[in-house]
C-alpha atoms as a PDB file:
ATOM      1  CA  MET A   1       5.843 -36.179 -23.139  1.00  0.00           C
ATOM      2  CA  ASN A   2       1.907 -35.944 -22.874  1.00  0.00           C
ATOM      3  CA  TYR A   3      -0.030 -36.498 -19.871  1.00  0.00           C
ATOM      4  CA  ASP A   4      -3.673 -38.215 -19.455  1.00  0.00           C
ATOM      5  CA  PHE A   5      -6.406 -35.039 -18.864  1.00  0.00           C
ATOM      6  CA  ILE A   6     -10.073 -35.035 -18.211  1.00  0.00           C
ATOM      7  CA  THR A   7     -12.060 -32.305 -20.057  1.00  0.00           C
ATOM      8  CA  ILE A   8     -15.237 -30.583 -18.503  1.00  0.00           C
ATOM      9  CA  ASN A   9     -17.469 -32.952 -19.554  1.00  0.00           C
ATOM     10  CA  ASP A  10     -16.217 -36.014 -18.641  1.00  0.00           C
ATOM     11  CA  ASP A  11     -18.651 -37.949 -16.000  1.00  0.00           C
ATOM     12  CA  ILE A  12     -15.559 -37.917 -13.606  1.00  0.00           C
ATOM     13  CA  TYR A  13     -15.371 -34.098 -13.687  1.00  0.00           C
ATOM     14  CA  PRO A  14     -15.859 -32.928 -10.080  1.00  0.00           C
ATOM     15  CA  GLU A  15     -19.324 -31.184 -10.701  1.00  0.00           C
ATOM     16  CA  CYS A  16     -18.455 -28.482  -7.643  1.00  0.00           C
ATOM     17  CA  LEU A  17     -15.642 -27.269 -10.034  1.00  0.00           C
ATOM     18  CA  LYS A  18     -17.716 -26.718 -12.686  1.00  0.00           C
ATOM     19  CA  GLU A  19     -19.787 -24.187 -10.169  1.00  0.00           C
ATOM     20  CA  ILE A  20     -17.076 -21.855 -10.077  1.00  0.00           C
ATOM     21  CA  SER A  21     -17.402 -18.643 -12.482  1.00  0.00           C
ATOM     22  CA  ASP A  22     -13.804 -20.163 -14.408  1.00  0.00           C
ATOM     23  CA  PRO A  23     -13.885 -23.626 -14.483  1.00  0.00           C
ATOM     24  CA  PRO A  24     -11.026 -25.388 -16.191  1.00  0.00           C
ATOM     25  CA  GLU A  25     -11.926 -26.625 -18.918  1.00  0.00           C
ATOM     26  CA  LYS A  26      -9.012 -29.957 -19.272  1.00  0.00           C
ATOM     27  CA  LEU A  27      -6.989 -30.756 -16.213  1.00  0.00           C
ATOM     28  CA  TYR A  28      -4.026 -32.860 -16.884  1.00  0.00           C
ATOM     29  CA  TYR A  29      -3.398 -35.739 -13.577  1.00  0.00           C
ATOM     30  CA  LYS A  30      -1.226 -37.969 -12.458  1.00  0.00           C
ATOM     31  CA  GLY A  31      -2.084 -41.180  -9.630  1.00  0.00           C
ATOM     32  CA  ASN A  32      -5.563 -42.219  -8.627  1.00  0.00           C
ATOM     33  CA  LEU A  33      -8.157 -40.276 -10.542  1.00  0.00           C
ATOM     34  CA  GLU A  34     -10.915 -41.634  -8.267  1.00  0.00           C
ATOM     35  CA  LEU A  35      -9.877 -38.831  -5.317  1.00  0.00           C
ATOM     36  CA  LEU A  36     -11.834 -36.649  -7.320  1.00  0.00           C
ATOM     37  CA  LYS A  37     -14.942 -38.541  -6.371  1.00  0.00           C
ATOM     38  CA  SER A  38     -14.202 -38.123  -2.906  1.00  0.00           C
ATOM     39  CA  GLU A  39     -17.752 -36.551  -1.128  1.00  0.00           C
ATOM     40  CA  ARG A  40     -15.637 -35.314   1.550  1.00  0.00           C
ATOM     41  CA  MET A  41     -12.714 -32.581   0.349  1.00  0.00           C
ATOM     42  CA  ILE A  42     -11.325 -29.791   2.806  1.00  0.00           C
ATOM     43  CA  ALA A  43      -8.288 -27.733   1.836  1.00  0.00           C
ATOM     44  CA  VAL A  44      -5.439 -26.877   3.908  1.00  0.00           C
ATOM     45  CA  VAL A  45      -3.125 -23.843   2.730  1.00  0.00           C
ATOM     46  CA  GLY A  46      -0.876 -21.571   4.757  1.00  0.00           C
ATOM     47  CA  THR A  47       2.202 -19.514   4.886  1.00  0.00           C
ATOM     48  CA  ARG A  48       5.507 -20.718   3.063  1.00  0.00           C
ATOM     49  CA  ASN A  49       7.368 -19.621   6.339  1.00  0.00           C
ATOM     50  CA  PRO A  50       5.401 -21.430   9.030  1.00  0.00           C
ATOM     51  CA  SER A  51       5.995 -21.225  12.334  1.00  0.00           C
ATOM     52  CA  SER A  52       6.841 -24.421  15.053  1.00  0.00           C
ATOM     53  CA  TYR A  53       3.291 -23.189  16.257  1.00  0.00           C
ATOM     54  CA  GLY A  54       1.467 -23.350  12.693  1.00  0.00           C
ATOM     55  CA  LYS A  55       3.445 -26.694  11.928  1.00  0.00           C
ATOM     56  CA  LEU A  56       1.984 -28.370  14.970  1.00  0.00           C
ATOM     57  CA  CYS A  57      -1.449 -27.179  14.247  1.00  0.00           C
ATOM     58  CA  CYS A  58      -1.324 -28.568  10.366  1.00  0.00           C
ATOM     59  CA  GLU A  59      -0.640 -31.579  11.917  1.00  0.00           C
ATOM     60  CA  TYR A  60      -3.220 -31.995  14.414  1.00  0.00           C
ATOM     61  CA  MET A  61      -5.806 -30.410  11.970  1.00  0.00           C
ATOM     62  CA  ILE A  62      -4.401 -33.689   8.875  1.00  0.00           C
ATOM     63  CA  LYS A  63      -4.456 -36.186  11.845  1.00  0.00           C
ATOM     64  CA  LYS A  64      -7.709 -35.434  13.100  1.00  0.00           C
ATOM     65  CA  MET A  65      -8.934 -35.395   9.889  1.00  0.00           C
ATOM     66  CA  SER A  66      -7.494 -38.453   9.019  1.00  0.00           C
ATOM     67  CA  LYS A  67     -10.025 -40.105  11.548  1.00  0.00           C
ATOM     68  CA  ALA A  68     -13.315 -39.018   9.518  1.00  0.00           C
ATOM     69  CA  ASP A  69     -12.062 -40.349   5.649  1.00  0.00           C
ATOM     70  CA  ILE A  70     -11.658 -36.844   4.446  1.00  0.00           C
ATOM     71  CA  THR A  71      -9.489 -36.069   1.409  1.00  0.00           C
ATOM     72  CA  ILE A  72      -7.008 -33.041   1.784  1.00  0.00           C
ATOM     73  CA  VAL A  73      -6.277 -30.847  -1.125  1.00  0.00           C
ATOM     74  CA  SER A  74      -3.447 -28.268  -0.924  1.00  0.00           C
ATOM     75  CA  GLY A  75      -1.495 -26.432  -3.288  1.00  0.00           C
ATOM     76  CA  PHE A  76       2.243 -28.391  -2.834  1.00  0.00           C
ATOM     77  CA  ALA A  77       4.279 -24.960  -2.592  1.00  0.00           C
ATOM     78  CA  LYS A  78       6.856 -24.886   0.845  1.00  0.00           C
ATOM     79  CA  GLY A  79       5.868 -24.550   4.256  1.00  0.00           C
ATOM     80  CA  ILE A  80       2.197 -25.731   5.343  1.00  0.00           C
ATOM     81  CA  ASP A  81       1.182 -26.682   1.905  1.00  0.00           C
ATOM     82  CA  SER A  82       3.600 -29.471   1.953  1.00  0.00           C
ATOM     83  CA  ILE A  83       2.884 -30.334   5.235  1.00  0.00           C
ATOM     84  CA  ALA A  84      -0.032 -31.272   4.671  1.00  0.00           C
ATOM     85  CA  HIS A  85       0.599 -33.502   1.941  1.00  0.00           C
ATOM     86  CA  LYS A  86       3.203 -35.015   3.667  1.00  0.00           C
ATOM     87  CA  THR A  87       0.954 -35.473   7.445  1.00  0.00           C
ATOM     88  CA  SER A  88      -2.005 -37.048   5.115  1.00  0.00           C
ATOM     89  CA  LEU A  89       0.451 -39.710   3.458  1.00  0.00           C
ATOM     90  CA  ILE A  90       1.711 -40.248   7.152  1.00  0.00           C
ATOM     91  CA  THR A  91      -1.336 -40.904   8.630  1.00  0.00           C
ATOM     92  CA  GLY A  92      -3.012 -42.856   4.789  1.00  0.00           C
ATOM     93  CA  THR A  93      -5.346 -39.854   4.522  1.00  0.00           C
ATOM     94  CA  LYS A  94      -6.191 -39.250   0.963  1.00  0.00           C
ATOM     95  CA  THR A  95      -4.400 -35.961  -0.509  1.00  0.00           C
ATOM     96  CA  ILE A  96      -4.828 -33.729  -3.630  1.00  0.00           C
ATOM     97  CA  ALA A  97      -2.043 -31.361  -4.830  1.00  0.00           C
ATOM     98  CA  VAL A  98      -2.929 -28.893  -7.473  1.00  0.00           C
ATOM     99  CA  ILE A  99      -0.105 -27.540  -8.782  1.00  0.00           C
ATOM    100  CA  ALA A 100       0.560 -24.392 -10.850  1.00  0.00           C
ATOM    101  CA  SER A 101       3.358 -25.766 -13.783  1.00  0.00           C
ATOM    102  CA  GLY A 102       3.250 -28.470 -16.455  1.00  0.00           C
ATOM    103  CA  LEU A 103       2.984 -31.946 -14.269  1.00  0.00           C
ATOM    104  CA  ASP A 104       6.318 -32.863 -15.899  1.00  0.00           C
ATOM    105  CA  ILE A 105       7.714 -29.609 -14.156  1.00  0.00           C
ATOM    106  CA  VAL A 106       8.406 -30.033  -9.662  1.00  0.00           C
ATOM    107  CA  TYR A 107       8.453 -26.959  -8.467  1.00  0.00           C
ATOM    108  CA  PRO A 108       9.611 -26.338  -5.794  1.00  0.00           C
ATOM    109  CA  ALA A 109      12.429 -28.725  -6.916  1.00  0.00           C
ATOM    110  CA  SER A 110      13.410 -29.720  -3.425  1.00  0.00           C
ATOM    111  CA  ASN A 111       9.909 -31.694  -3.460  1.00  0.00           C
ATOM    112  CA  LEU A 112      10.175 -34.044  -5.509  1.00  0.00           C
ATOM    113  CA  SER A 113      10.107 -37.300  -2.976  1.00  0.00           C
ATOM    114  CA  LEU A 114       7.006 -36.031  -2.115  1.00  0.00           C
ATOM    115  CA  TYR A 115       5.660 -35.592  -5.560  1.00  0.00           C
ATOM    116  CA  LYS A 116       6.603 -38.739  -6.317  1.00  0.00           C
ATOM    117  CA  GLU A 117       4.719 -40.152  -2.993  1.00  0.00           C
ATOM    118  CA  ILE A 118       1.620 -38.322  -4.111  1.00  0.00           C
ATOM    119  CA  GLU A 119       2.045 -39.651  -7.725  1.00  0.00           C
ATOM    120  CA  GLU A 120       1.916 -42.995  -5.930  1.00  0.00           C
ATOM    121  CA  LYS A 121      -0.329 -42.632  -2.991  1.00  0.00           C
ATOM    122  CA  GLY A 122      -2.525 -39.727  -4.185  1.00  0.00           C
ATOM    123  CA  LEU A 123      -3.451 -37.055  -6.862  1.00  0.00           C
ATOM    124  CA  ILE A 124      -1.707 -34.588  -9.096  1.00  0.00           C
ATOM    125  CA  LEU A 125      -3.419 -31.816 -11.157  1.00  0.00           C
ATOM    126  CA  SER A 126      -2.626 -28.871 -13.208  1.00  0.00           C
ATOM    127  CA  GLU A 127      -4.492 -27.127 -15.634  1.00  0.00           C
ATOM    128  CA  TYR A 128      -1.134 -26.884 -17.130  1.00  0.00           C
ATOM    129  CA  GLU A 129       0.146 -28.379 -20.384  1.00  0.00           C
ATOM    130  CA  ALA A 130       3.955 -30.241 -19.871  1.00  0.00           C
ATOM    131  CA  GLY A 131       6.452 -27.877 -20.376  1.00  0.00           C
ATOM    132  CA  THR A 132       4.695 -24.892 -18.545  1.00  0.00           C
ATOM    133  CA  LYS A 133       6.930 -23.398 -15.884  1.00  0.00           C
ATOM    134  CA  PRO A 134       5.581 -22.123 -12.621  1.00  0.00           C
ATOM    135  CA  PHE A 135       4.999 -18.965 -13.700  1.00  0.00           C
ATOM    136  CA  LYS A 136       3.834 -15.825 -10.851  1.00  0.00           C
ATOM    137  CA  GLY A 137       0.545 -15.729 -12.706  1.00  0.00           C
ATOM    138  CA  ASN A 138      -0.484 -19.275 -12.211  1.00  0.00           C
ATOM    139  CA  PHE A 139      -0.207 -19.746  -8.556  1.00  0.00           C
ATOM    140  CA  PRO A 140      -3.948 -17.277  -8.349  1.00  0.00           C
ATOM    141  CA  ARG A 141      -5.053 -19.168 -11.216  1.00  0.00           C
ATOM    142  CA  ARG A 142      -4.013 -23.186  -9.343  1.00  0.00           C
ATOM    143  CA  ASN A 143      -5.988 -21.370  -6.264  1.00  0.00           C
ATOM    144  CA  ARG A 144      -9.330 -21.217  -7.463  1.00  0.00           C
ATOM    145  CA  ILE A 145      -9.039 -24.961  -8.485  1.00  0.00           C
ATOM    146  CA  ILE A 146      -8.484 -25.591  -4.604  1.00  0.00           C
ATOM    147  CA  ALA A 147     -11.105 -23.481  -3.585  1.00  0.00           C
ATOM    148  CA  GLY A 148     -13.401 -25.036  -5.863  1.00  0.00           C
ATOM    149  CA  LEU A 149     -13.092 -28.424  -5.343  1.00  0.00           C
ATOM    150  CA  SER A 150     -13.118 -28.252  -2.106  1.00  0.00           C
ATOM    151  CA  LYS A 151     -16.586 -28.064   0.556  1.00  0.00           C
ATOM    152  CA  GLY A 152     -13.979 -25.641   2.572  1.00  0.00           C
ATOM    153  CA  VAL A 153     -10.617 -24.060   3.154  1.00  0.00           C
ATOM    154  CA  ILE A 154      -8.551 -23.818   6.662  1.00  0.00           C
ATOM    155  CA  ILE A 155      -5.869 -21.103   6.707  1.00  0.00           C
ATOM    156  CA  VAL A 156      -3.772 -22.398   9.087  1.00  0.00           C
ATOM    157  CA  GLU A 157      -0.962 -19.648   9.053  1.00  0.00           C
ATOM    158  CA  SER A 158      -0.523 -16.759   6.867  1.00  0.00           C
ATOM    159  CA  LYS A 159       0.894 -12.798   6.459  1.00  0.00           C
ATOM    160  CA  ASP A 160      -1.478 -10.447   5.919  1.00  0.00           C
ATOM    161  CA  ARG A 161      -0.959 -10.752   2.506  1.00  0.00           C
ATOM    162  CA  GLY A 162      -0.006 -13.957   0.205  1.00  0.00           C
ATOM    163  CA  GLY A 163      -1.702 -16.791  -1.717  1.00  0.00           C
ATOM    164  CA  SER A 164      -3.797 -18.493   1.145  1.00  0.00           C
ATOM    165  CA  LEU A 165      -6.138 -15.460   1.499  1.00  0.00           C
ATOM    166  CA  ILE A 166      -6.674 -15.236  -2.314  1.00  0.00           C
ATOM    167  CA  THR A 167      -7.979 -18.838  -1.767  1.00  0.00           C
ATOM    168  CA  ALA A 168      -9.652 -17.899   0.941  1.00  0.00           C
ATOM    169  CA  ASP A 169     -11.203 -14.512  -0.914  1.00  0.00           C
ATOM    170  CA  LEU A 170     -11.987 -17.112  -4.005  1.00  0.00           C
ATOM    171  CA  ALA A 171     -13.546 -19.918  -1.486  1.00  0.00           C
ATOM    172  CA  LEU A 172     -16.083 -17.290  -0.009  1.00  0.00           C
ATOM    173  CA  GLU A 173     -16.889 -16.339  -3.893  1.00  0.00           C
ATOM    174  CA  TYR A 174     -17.749 -20.031  -4.671  1.00  0.00           C
ATOM    175  CA  ASN A 175     -20.119 -19.623  -1.764  1.00  0.00           C
ATOM    176  CA  ARG A 176     -17.558 -21.890   0.358  1.00  0.00           C
ATOM    177  CA  ASP A 177     -16.755 -21.821   4.226  1.00  0.00           C
ATOM    178  CA  VAL A 178     -13.530 -20.365   4.920  1.00  0.00           C
ATOM    179  CA  TYR A 179     -11.841 -21.418   8.461  1.00  0.00           C
ATOM    180  CA  ALA A 180      -8.655 -19.889  10.210  1.00  0.00           C
ATOM    181  CA  VAL A 181      -6.441 -20.596  12.728  1.00  0.00           C
ATOM    182  CA  PRO A 182      -6.828 -18.177  15.403  1.00  0.00           C
ATOM    183  CA  GLY A 183      -2.721 -17.385  16.175  1.00  0.00           C
ATOM    184  CA  ASP A 184      -0.183 -15.221  18.390  1.00  0.00           C
ATOM    185  CA  ILE A 185      -0.806 -11.685  18.303  1.00  0.00           C
ATOM    186  CA  PHE A 186       2.600 -10.356  17.643  1.00  0.00           C
ATOM    187  CA  SER A 187       3.504 -13.196  14.768  1.00  0.00           C
ATOM    188  CA  GLU A 188       3.490 -11.479  11.207  1.00  0.00           C
ATOM    189  CA  TYR A 189       2.537 -15.498  10.312  1.00  0.00           C
ATOM    190  CA  SER A 190      -0.806 -15.031  11.740  1.00  0.00           C
ATOM    191  CA  LYS A 191      -1.868 -11.691  10.862  1.00  0.00           C
ATOM    192  CA  GLY A 192      -3.861 -13.156   7.428  1.00  0.00           C
ATOM    193  CA  CYS A 193      -5.630 -15.563   9.839  1.00  0.00           C
ATOM    194  CA  ASN A 194      -6.510 -13.207  12.416  1.00  0.00           C
ATOM    195  CA  TYR A 195      -7.754 -10.406  10.462  1.00  0.00           C
ATOM    196  CA  LEU A 196     -10.065 -13.484   8.461  1.00  0.00           C
ATOM    197  CA  ILE A 197     -11.615 -13.766  11.947  1.00  0.00           C
ATOM    198  CA  ARG A 198     -11.760 -10.247  12.516  1.00  0.00           C
ATOM    199  CA  ASP A 199     -13.449  -9.189   9.576  1.00  0.00           C
ATOM    200  CA  ALA A 200     -16.226 -12.080  10.117  1.00  0.00           C
ATOM    201  CA  LYS A 201     -14.604 -13.829   6.597  1.00  0.00           C
ATOM    202  CA  ALA A 202     -13.316 -17.041   8.459  1.00  0.00           C
ATOM    203  CA  LYS A 203     -14.617 -19.141  11.226  1.00  0.00           C
ATOM    204  CA  SER A 204     -12.173 -19.408  13.988  1.00  0.00           C
ATOM    205  CA  LEU A 205     -10.719 -23.087  13.975  1.00  0.00           C
ATOM    206  CA  SER A 206      -8.824 -24.134  16.973  1.00  0.00           C
ATOM    207  CA  ASN A 207     -10.574 -27.704  17.360  1.00  0.00           C
ATOM    208  CA  ILE A 208     -11.443 -30.080  14.461  1.00  0.00           C
ATOM    209  CA  LYS A 209     -14.602 -31.180  15.764  1.00  0.00           C
ATOM    210  CA  GLU A 210     -15.605 -28.068  15.171  1.00  0.00           C
ATOM    211  CA  LEU A 211     -15.501 -28.324  10.881  1.00  0.00           C
ATOM    212  CA  LEU A 212     -16.646 -31.658  11.252  1.00  0.00           C
ATOM    213  CA  GLU A 213     -20.151 -30.833  13.333  1.00  0.00           C
ATOM    214  CA  ASP A 214     -20.424 -28.321  10.229  1.00  0.00           C
ATOM    215  CA  TYR A 215     -21.049 -30.611   7.838  1.00  0.00           C
ATOM    216  CA  ASN A 216     -22.125 -33.906  10.354  1.00  0.00           C
ATOM    217  CA  TRP A 217     -19.460 -35.613   9.628  1.00  0.00           C
ATOM    218  CA  GLU A 218     -18.873 -38.652  11.725  1.00  0.00           C
ATOM    219  CA  ILE A 219     -15.686 -39.666  13.345  1.00  0.00           C
ATOM    220  CA  LYS A 220     -13.864 -42.837  13.887  1.00  0.00           C
ATOM    221  CA  GLU A 221     -14.242 -43.267  17.635  1.00  0.00           C
ATOM    222  CA  GLU A 222     -10.227 -44.023  18.482  1.00  0.00           C
ATOM    223  CA  ALA A 223      -8.726 -46.636  21.511  1.00  0.00           C
ATOM    224  CA  LYS A 224      -7.686 -44.791  24.473  1.00  0.00           C
ATOM    225  CA  LEU A 225      -4.232 -45.159  24.477  1.00  0.00           C
ATOM    226  CA  LYS A 226      -2.436 -46.771  27.587  1.00  0.00           C
ATOM    227  CA  VAL A 227      -0.075 -44.471  29.462  1.00  0.00           C
ATOM    228  CA  SER A 228       2.634 -45.427  31.912  1.00  0.00           C
ATOM    229  CA  LYS A 229       2.339 -43.581  35.059  1.00  0.00           C
ATOM    230  CA  ASN A 230       5.281 -41.611  34.209  1.00  0.00           C
ATOM    231  CA  GLN A 231       4.357 -40.639  31.285  1.00  0.00           C
ATOM    232  CA  GLN A 232       0.834 -39.684  33.109  1.00  0.00           C
ATOM    233  CA  LEU A 233       2.732 -37.574  34.982  1.00  0.00           C
ATOM    234  CA  ILE A 234       4.497 -35.971  32.634  1.00  0.00           C
ATOM    235  CA  LEU A 235       1.142 -35.104  30.317  1.00  0.00           C
ATOM    236  CA  ASP A 236       0.245 -33.666  33.377  1.00  0.00           C
ATOM    237  CA  SER A 237       3.174 -31.668  33.494  1.00  0.00           C
ATOM    238  CA  LEU A 238       2.212 -30.325  30.167  1.00  0.00           C
ATOM    239  CA  SER A 239      -0.705 -28.286  30.853  1.00  0.00           C
ATOM    240  CA  SER A 240       1.942 -25.610  28.967  1.00  0.00           C
ATOM    241  CA  GLU A 241       5.439 -25.802  26.722  1.00  0.00           C
ATOM    242  CA  LYS A 242       7.797 -26.268  28.959  1.00  0.00           C
ATOM    243  CA  SER A 243      11.769 -27.193  28.777  1.00  0.00           C
ATOM    244  CA  LEU A 244      12.944 -30.837  29.922  1.00  0.00           C
ATOM    245  CA  ASP A 245      14.613 -29.162  33.165  1.00  0.00           C
ATOM    246  CA  LYS A 246      10.635 -27.888  34.298  1.00  0.00           C
ATOM    247  CA  ILE A 247       9.337 -31.574  32.855  1.00  0.00           C
ATOM    248  CA  LEU A 248      12.488 -33.184  35.874  1.00  0.00           C
ATOM    249  CA  GLU A 249      11.320 -30.608  38.100  1.00  0.00           C
ATOM    250  CA  GLU A 250       7.301 -30.966  38.349  1.00  0.00           C
ATOM    251  CA  THR A 251       7.547 -34.923  37.773  1.00  0.00           C
ATOM    252  CA  LYS A 252      10.985 -36.240  39.927  1.00  0.00           C
ATOM    253  CA  ILE A 253      11.089 -38.555  37.434  1.00  0.00           C
ATOM    254  CA  ASP A 254      14.693 -40.154  36.980  1.00  0.00           C
ATOM    255  CA  GLN A 255      16.888 -38.139  34.733  1.00  0.00           C
ATOM    256  CA  THR A 256      17.656 -41.343  33.086  1.00  0.00           C
ATOM    257  CA  GLU A 257      13.710 -42.601  32.227  1.00  0.00           C
ATOM    258  CA  ILE A 258      12.542 -38.850  30.929  1.00  0.00           C
ATOM    259  CA  LEU A 259      14.090 -39.128  27.755  1.00  0.00           C
ATOM    260  CA  SER A 260      12.750 -42.304  26.830  1.00  0.00           C
ATOM    261  CA  GLU A 261       9.328 -41.463  28.168  1.00  0.00           C
ATOM    262  CA  LEU A 262       9.206 -38.337  26.410  1.00  0.00           C
ATOM    263  CA  ILE A 263       9.875 -40.054  23.104  1.00  0.00           C
ATOM    264  CA  ASN A 264       7.976 -42.779  23.695  1.00  0.00           C
ATOM    265  CA  LEU A 265       5.154 -40.123  24.150  1.00  0.00           C
ATOM    266  CA  GLU A 266       5.778 -38.665  20.953  1.00  0.00           C
ATOM    267  CA  ILE A 267       5.339 -41.767  18.993  1.00  0.00           C
ATOM    268  CA  MET A 268       2.070 -41.947  20.270  1.00  0.00           C
ATOM    269  CA  GLY A 269       1.342 -38.763  19.103  1.00  0.00           C
ATOM    270  CA  LEU A 270       0.476 -37.070  22.407  1.00  0.00           C
ATOM    271  CA  ILE A 271       3.183 -34.750  22.288  1.00  0.00           C
ATOM    272  CA  LYS A 272       5.761 -31.962  20.408  1.00  0.00           C
ATOM    273  CA  SER A 273       9.486 -31.744  20.816  1.00  0.00           C
ATOM    274  CA  ILE A 274       9.620 -28.019  19.385  1.00  0.00           C
ATOM    275  CA  ALA A 275      12.321 -25.430  18.516  1.00  0.00           C
ATOM    276  CA  GLY A 276      14.799 -24.754  22.179  1.00  0.00           C
ATOM    277  CA  GLY A 277      14.262 -28.040  23.327  1.00  0.00           C
ATOM    278  CA  ARG A 278      10.922 -27.588  24.788  1.00  0.00           C
ATOM    279  CA  TYR A 279       8.280 -29.837  24.288  1.00  0.00           C
ATOM    280  CA  LYS A 280       4.152 -29.356  23.828  1.00  0.00           C
ATOM    281  CA  LYS A 281       1.087 -31.385  24.901  1.00  0.00           C
ATOM    282  CA  ILE A 282      -0.906 -32.091  21.893  1.00  0.00           C
ATOM    283  CA  LEU A 283      -4.892 -31.279  22.234  1.00  0.00           C
END
């Protein structure tokens, strides 16, 4: 099966991608090719096995970037990549998936519905012809396209080795900015990010405003959400991650009311339920 493609000589081929040492001569695509004209592209990548903290950070970063007309680029892998694409779609943020196989092969297969949604609402790119399987060596080459397309790369969680660090090194080679989300010093999935920060290869990123300021990108002012008295008590209580019992103890809210208030706060995007029946306030 043949798919539409562009070549390096086409006007819509991104100039930033031509700057890298080995730009793809041809890019096959599905979806909205106009996204290649986006002036604000940021890559978000990370481990295939994120912690609840990594998932929360990724969702938070994407939600904040959705207010600044940023196009999110990622690699469609399990874990952080998929969370970046899914959160982009949920928030109406533009997203580009760069895959390591032909466009007729969905890898991982569990991402089939996500693939179809990106095809409909975003853009899927590959330098590989139809029928090309996702061989191991394809992924590092795929990463150079992710880095090349983007003004900056955010690493959310990574072990001390892995594809995300390859993307970071390529970004540095291409004079792109690299940001790393600092993590738990005891977690193997934070080692890569913490090492990048330690070695001055990446800027520590804990608030997306820091990235926006680097590029002088404005963010739309968000209307302040109105919360009830009980909801404010819960938010005040969640100065740190807490269990339901602890929230009940501190707020004195009736047990019959607190669950609905917690659900409403989560729908509003102000808190997040995490593993172990605990709750965390979103910054």
